[in-house]
């Protein structure tokens, strides 16, 4: 079963849920607000997808950071604790498919190809 990581009230997340539900595909949702991501999970995301794909630098949370914290998002070792503290900075959704492959962001064609 595909795992979907993100924040429940995000519009992109709602579109992702709808895509799965319309296709009748089951999924497990992990809400960062209820279950903070641990360092191991974030490390796996970064290793598989790349730091640029995991860190959402276009969102409000990132833009409100001071320059020191923003620069911390450019290095895996310092980005992980920052992402744990500010999980809203993690790109949404991150999907972990049954075959172990991962995707960051909503790419409807790629998701549908996995069905």
N, C-alpha and C. Protein backbone atom coordinates (compact mmCIF):
# COMPACT_ATOMS: atom_id res chain seq x y z
N UNK A 1 0.84 -1.18 0.00
CA UNK A 1 0.00 0.00 0.00
C UNK A 1 0.89 1.25 0.00
N UNK A 2 0.51 2.22 -0.77
CA UNK A 2 1.26 3.47 -0.86
C UNK A 2 1.10 4.27 0.43
N UNK A 3 2.19 4.85 0.88
CA UNK A 3 2.14 5.76 2.02
C UNK A 3 2.23 7.17 1.50
N UNK A 4 1.36 8.02 2.00
CA UNK A 4 1.35 9.42 1.62
C UNK A 4 1.69 10.25 2.85
N UNK A 5 2.76 11.03 2.75
CA UNK A 5 3.21 11.87 3.85
C UNK A 5 2.88 13.32 3.55
N UNK A 6 2.38 14.04 4.55
CA UNK A 6 2.09 15.44 4.36
C UNK A 6 1.28 16.02 5.50
N UNK A 7 0.50 17.04 5.17
CA UNK A 7 -0.33 17.76 6.13
C UNK A 7 -1.75 17.73 5.60
N UNK A 8 -2.67 17.30 6.42
CA UNK A 8 -4.03 17.02 5.98
C UNK A 8 -4.74 18.19 5.28
N UNK A 9 -4.59 19.38 5.77
CA UNK A 9 -5.37 20.50 5.25
C UNK A 9 -4.76 21.21 4.04
N UNK A 10 -3.69 20.71 3.52
CA UNK A 10 -3.03 21.28 2.35
C UNK A 10 -3.84 20.97 1.09
N UNK A 11 -4.03 21.95 0.22
CA UNK A 11 -4.81 21.73 -1.00
C UNK A 11 -4.19 20.68 -1.91
N UNK A 12 -2.87 20.66 -2.01
CA UNK A 12 -2.21 19.65 -2.83
C UNK A 12 -2.45 18.25 -2.26
N UNK A 13 -2.48 18.17 -0.95
CA UNK A 13 -2.76 16.88 -0.31
C UNK A 13 -4.20 16.44 -0.63
N UNK A 14 -5.12 17.36 -0.57
CA UNK A 14 -6.52 17.03 -0.86
C UNK A 14 -6.66 16.51 -2.29
N UNK A 15 -5.93 17.09 -3.23
CA UNK A 15 -5.95 16.63 -4.62
C UNK A 15 -5.34 15.22 -4.71
N UNK A 16 -4.29 14.98 -3.94
CA UNK A 16 -3.65 13.66 -3.94
C UNK A 16 -4.61 12.61 -3.40
N UNK A 17 -5.27 12.90 -2.28
CA UNK A 17 -6.23 11.96 -1.72
C UNK A 17 -7.34 11.66 -2.73
N UNK A 18 -7.84 12.71 -3.39
CA UNK A 18 -8.92 12.54 -4.37
C UNK A 18 -8.48 11.64 -5.52
N UNK A 19 -7.25 11.79 -5.97
CA UNK A 19 -6.73 10.97 -7.05
C UNK A 19 -6.75 9.49 -6.67
N UNK A 20 -6.31 9.19 -5.47
CA UNK A 20 -6.31 7.81 -5.00
C UNK A 20 -7.74 7.30 -4.82
N UNK A 21 -8.58 8.12 -4.23
CA UNK A 21 -9.95 7.70 -3.97
C UNK A 21 -10.74 7.48 -5.26
N UNK A 22 -10.56 8.35 -6.23
CA UNK A 22 -11.24 8.19 -7.52
C UNK A 22 -10.81 6.91 -8.24
N UNK A 23 -9.54 6.53 -8.05
CA UNK A 23 -9.02 5.31 -8.67
C UNK A 23 -9.33 4.07 -7.83
N UNK A 24 -9.89 4.28 -6.63
CA UNK A 24 -10.19 3.16 -5.75
C UNK A 24 -8.95 2.48 -5.19
N UNK A 25 -7.88 3.26 -5.06
CA UNK A 25 -6.62 2.71 -4.56
C UNK A 25 -6.43 3.05 -3.09
N UNK A 26 -6.15 2.05 -2.28
CA UNK A 26 -5.94 2.32 -0.85
C UNK A 26 -4.60 3.00 -0.62
N UNK A 27 -4.53 3.75 0.47
CA UNK A 27 -3.29 4.42 0.85
C UNK A 27 -3.28 4.58 2.36
N UNK A 28 -2.09 4.78 2.89
CA UNK A 28 -1.92 5.09 4.30
C UNK A 28 -1.41 6.51 4.38
N UNK A 29 -2.08 7.34 5.16
CA UNK A 29 -1.69 8.74 5.29
C UNK A 29 -0.94 8.95 6.60
N UNK A 30 0.20 9.62 6.51
CA UNK A 30 0.99 9.98 7.68
C UNK A 30 1.00 11.50 7.74
N UNK A 31 0.37 12.04 8.77
CA UNK A 31 0.23 13.49 8.96
C UNK A 31 1.38 14.00 9.81
N UNK A 32 2.20 14.87 9.22
CA UNK A 32 3.35 15.43 9.95
C UNK A 32 2.93 16.18 11.21
N UNK A 33 1.72 16.72 11.23
CA UNK A 33 1.27 17.47 12.40
C UNK A 33 0.96 16.55 13.58
N UNK A 34 0.63 15.31 13.28
CA UNK A 34 0.30 14.35 14.34
C UNK A 34 1.47 13.43 14.66
N UNK A 35 2.31 13.21 13.66
CA UNK A 35 3.45 12.31 13.82
C UNK A 35 4.67 12.95 13.16
N UNK A 36 5.47 13.62 13.97
CA UNK A 36 6.66 14.30 13.45
C UNK A 36 7.57 13.29 12.76
N UNK A 37 8.11 13.64 11.60
CA UNK A 37 9.02 12.72 10.92
C UNK A 37 10.33 12.58 11.68
N UNK A 38 10.84 11.35 11.75
CA UNK A 38 12.11 11.16 12.45
C UNK A 38 13.27 11.34 11.47
N UNK A 39 14.46 11.44 12.01
CA UNK A 39 15.65 11.72 11.22
C UNK A 39 15.90 10.63 10.19
N UNK A 40 15.64 9.38 10.54
CA UNK A 40 15.87 8.27 9.62
C UNK A 40 14.96 8.39 8.39
N UNK A 41 13.69 8.67 8.62
CA UNK A 41 12.75 8.82 7.51
C UNK A 41 13.15 9.98 6.60
N UNK A 42 13.46 11.12 7.20
CA UNK A 42 13.87 12.27 6.40
C UNK A 42 15.16 11.98 5.62
N UNK A 43 16.07 11.27 6.24
CA UNK A 43 17.30 10.88 5.54
C UNK A 43 17.00 10.00 4.33
N UNK A 44 16.05 9.09 4.47
CA UNK A 44 15.66 8.24 3.34
C UNK A 44 15.03 9.06 2.22
N UNK A 45 14.17 10.01 2.60
CA UNK A 45 13.57 10.89 1.59
C UNK A 45 14.65 11.65 0.83
N UNK A 46 15.59 12.23 1.57
CA UNK A 46 16.64 13.04 0.95
C UNK A 46 17.55 12.19 0.07
N UNK A 47 17.91 11.00 0.56
CA UNK A 47 18.77 10.11 -0.23
C UNK A 47 18.10 9.69 -1.53
N UNK A 48 16.81 9.42 -1.48
CA UNK A 48 16.09 8.95 -2.67
C UNK A 48 15.70 10.06 -3.63
N UNK A 49 15.34 11.22 -3.09
CA UNK A 49 14.77 12.28 -3.91
C UNK A 49 15.68 13.49 -4.11
N UNK A 50 16.62 13.65 -3.21
CA UNK A 50 17.48 14.82 -3.25
C UNK A 50 16.93 15.91 -2.35
N UNK A 51 17.81 16.66 -1.75
CA UNK A 51 17.44 17.71 -0.81
C UNK A 51 16.54 18.76 -1.46
N UNK A 52 16.82 19.09 -2.72
CA UNK A 52 16.04 20.11 -3.42
C UNK A 52 14.58 19.70 -3.58
N UNK A 53 14.34 18.38 -3.70
CA UNK A 53 12.98 17.90 -3.87
C UNK A 53 12.23 17.75 -2.55
N UNK A 54 12.94 17.63 -1.46
CA UNK A 54 12.31 17.42 -0.16
C UNK A 54 12.01 18.74 0.55
N UNK A 55 12.89 19.70 0.42
CA UNK A 55 12.71 20.98 1.11
C UNK A 55 11.87 21.92 0.23
N UNK A 56 10.77 22.39 0.79
CA UNK A 56 9.90 23.34 0.08
C UNK A 56 10.38 24.75 0.40
N UNK A 57 11.10 25.34 -0.52
CA UNK A 57 11.64 26.68 -0.32
C UNK A 57 10.68 27.76 -0.83
N UNK A 58 9.56 27.36 -1.39
CA UNK A 58 8.60 28.33 -1.91
C UNK A 58 7.51 28.67 -0.90
N UNK A 59 7.43 27.92 0.19
CA UNK A 59 6.37 28.12 1.16
C UNK A 59 6.64 29.22 2.17
N UNK A 60 5.61 29.57 2.88
CA UNK A 60 5.67 30.62 3.89
C UNK A 60 6.64 30.28 5.01
N UNK A 61 6.65 29.03 5.44
CA UNK A 61 7.52 28.64 6.56
C UNK A 61 8.98 28.93 6.23
N UNK A 62 9.41 28.56 5.04
CA UNK A 62 10.80 28.81 4.64
C UNK A 62 11.07 30.30 4.52
N UNK A 63 10.18 31.01 3.89
CA UNK A 63 10.39 32.45 3.67
C UNK A 63 10.49 33.23 4.97
N UNK A 64 9.89 32.74 6.04
CA UNK A 64 9.93 33.43 7.33
C UNK A 64 11.22 33.16 8.11
N UNK A 65 12.01 32.21 7.66
CA UNK A 65 13.25 31.87 8.37
C UNK A 65 14.28 32.98 8.23
N UNK A 66 15.17 33.08 9.23
CA UNK A 66 16.29 34.00 9.08
C UNK A 66 17.32 33.36 8.14
N UNK A 67 18.30 34.12 7.75
CA UNK A 67 19.26 33.65 6.75
C UNK A 67 20.07 32.44 7.22
N UNK A 68 20.37 32.39 8.51
CA UNK A 68 21.13 31.25 9.05
C UNK A 68 20.31 29.97 8.91
N UNK A 69 19.04 30.02 9.26
CA UNK A 69 18.19 28.85 9.15
C UNK A 69 17.97 28.46 7.68
N UNK A 70 17.82 29.45 6.82
CA UNK A 70 17.66 29.16 5.39
C UNK A 70 18.88 28.43 4.85
N UNK A 71 20.07 28.85 5.27
CA UNK A 71 21.28 28.19 4.79
C UNK A 71 21.38 26.76 5.34
N UNK A 72 20.79 26.51 6.50
CA UNK A 72 20.79 25.16 7.07
C UNK A 72 20.01 24.19 6.18
N UNK A 73 19.09 24.70 5.40
CA UNK A 73 18.28 23.84 4.53
C UNK A 73 19.05 23.38 3.30
N UNK A 74 20.28 23.83 3.14
CA UNK A 74 21.08 23.47 1.97
C UNK A 74 22.03 22.31 2.21
N UNK A 75 21.99 21.74 3.40
CA UNK A 75 22.92 20.67 3.77
C UNK A 75 22.11 19.59 4.47
N UNK A 76 22.27 18.34 4.06
CA UNK A 76 21.48 17.25 4.64
C UNK A 76 21.59 17.19 6.16
N UNK A 77 22.80 17.28 6.68
CA UNK A 77 23.01 17.13 8.13
C UNK A 77 22.29 18.21 8.93
N UNK A 78 22.24 19.42 8.41
CA UNK A 78 21.58 20.50 9.14
C UNK A 78 20.11 20.65 8.73
N UNK A 79 19.76 20.17 7.55
CA UNK A 79 18.38 20.26 7.09
C UNK A 79 17.46 19.31 7.85
N UNK A 80 17.95 18.15 8.20
CA UNK A 80 17.10 17.15 8.87
C UNK A 80 16.52 17.68 10.18
N UNK A 81 17.34 18.21 11.11
CA UNK A 81 16.74 18.75 12.34
C UNK A 81 15.79 19.92 12.07
N UNK A 82 16.11 20.74 11.08
CA UNK A 82 15.25 21.86 10.72
C UNK A 82 13.90 21.34 10.21
N UNK A 83 13.91 20.32 9.37
CA UNK A 83 12.67 19.75 8.84
C UNK A 83 11.86 19.04 9.93
N UNK A 84 12.55 18.45 10.89
CA UNK A 84 11.83 17.84 12.01
C UNK A 84 11.09 18.90 12.81
N UNK A 85 11.75 20.02 13.02
CA UNK A 85 11.15 21.10 13.81
C UNK A 85 10.05 21.82 13.03
N UNK A 86 10.28 22.00 11.74
CA UNK A 86 9.35 22.76 10.90
C UNK A 86 8.88 21.87 9.74
N UNK A 87 8.04 20.89 10.07
CA UNK A 87 7.61 19.90 9.08
C UNK A 87 6.81 20.51 7.93
N UNK A 88 6.32 21.72 8.10
CA UNK A 88 5.61 22.39 7.01
C UNK A 88 6.55 22.72 5.86
N UNK A 89 7.85 22.63 6.09
CA UNK A 89 8.83 22.90 5.05
C UNK A 89 9.10 21.69 4.16
N UNK A 90 8.51 20.55 4.49
CA UNK A 90 8.71 19.36 3.67
C UNK A 90 7.72 19.42 2.51
N UNK A 91 8.23 19.24 1.30
CA UNK A 91 7.38 19.28 0.12
C UNK A 91 6.25 18.26 0.26
N UNK A 92 5.08 18.65 -0.23
CA UNK A 92 3.90 17.79 -0.09
C UNK A 92 3.30 17.51 -1.45
N UNK A 93 2.82 16.30 -1.59
CA UNK A 93 3.03 15.13 -0.73
C UNK A 93 4.36 14.46 -1.03
N UNK A 94 4.78 13.63 -0.12
CA UNK A 94 5.83 12.67 -0.45
C UNK A 94 5.14 11.31 -0.43
N UNK A 95 5.30 10.59 -1.52
CA UNK A 95 4.66 9.28 -1.65
C UNK A 95 5.73 8.21 -1.65
N UNK A 96 5.46 7.14 -0.93
CA UNK A 96 6.32 5.97 -0.95
C UNK A 96 5.44 4.84 -1.48
N UNK A 97 5.74 4.42 -2.72
CA UNK A 97 4.93 3.41 -3.39
C UNK A 97 5.28 2.01 -2.91
N UNK A 98 4.42 1.07 -3.24
CA UNK A 98 4.61 -0.32 -2.79
C UNK A 98 5.95 -0.90 -3.24
N UNK A 99 6.44 -0.46 -4.39
CA UNK A 99 7.72 -0.98 -4.90
C UNK A 99 8.93 -0.30 -4.25
N UNK A 100 8.67 0.63 -3.31
CA UNK A 100 9.74 1.32 -2.60
C UNK A 100 10.18 2.62 -3.26
N UNK A 101 9.72 2.88 -4.47
CA UNK A 101 10.07 4.14 -5.13
C UNK A 101 9.35 5.29 -4.45
N UNK A 102 9.89 6.49 -4.62
CA UNK A 102 9.34 7.67 -3.96
C UNK A 102 9.10 8.79 -4.96
N UNK A 103 8.21 9.66 -4.59
CA UNK A 103 7.91 10.85 -5.39
C UNK A 103 7.60 12.00 -4.45
N UNK A 104 8.11 13.17 -4.79
CA UNK A 104 7.80 14.38 -4.03
C UNK A 104 6.96 15.28 -4.93
N UNK A 105 5.88 15.78 -4.40
CA UNK A 105 5.01 16.66 -5.16
C UNK A 105 3.93 15.88 -5.88
N UNK A 106 2.94 16.61 -6.35
CA UNK A 106 1.80 16.00 -7.04
C UNK A 106 2.07 15.95 -8.54
N UNK A 107 2.32 14.75 -9.04
CA UNK A 107 2.50 14.50 -10.46
C UNK A 107 1.47 13.43 -10.81
N UNK A 108 0.30 13.87 -11.26
CA UNK A 108 -0.83 12.97 -11.47
C UNK A 108 -0.51 11.85 -12.46
N UNK A 109 0.20 12.15 -13.53
CA UNK A 109 0.53 11.11 -14.52
C UNK A 109 1.43 10.03 -13.92
N UNK A 110 2.40 10.48 -13.16
CA UNK A 110 3.33 9.50 -12.56
C UNK A 110 2.62 8.65 -11.50
N UNK A 111 1.76 9.29 -10.72
CA UNK A 111 1.01 8.54 -9.71
C UNK A 111 0.09 7.54 -10.40
N UNK A 112 -0.64 7.98 -11.40
CA UNK A 112 -1.57 7.10 -12.11
C UNK A 112 -0.85 5.92 -12.75
N UNK A 113 0.37 6.12 -13.21
CA UNK A 113 1.15 5.04 -13.81
C UNK A 113 1.47 3.95 -12.79
N UNK A 114 1.46 4.32 -11.51
CA UNK A 114 1.75 3.34 -10.45
C UNK A 114 0.53 2.51 -10.09
N UNK A 115 -0.65 2.93 -10.54
CA UNK A 115 -1.89 2.20 -10.19
C UNK A 115 -1.99 0.90 -10.96
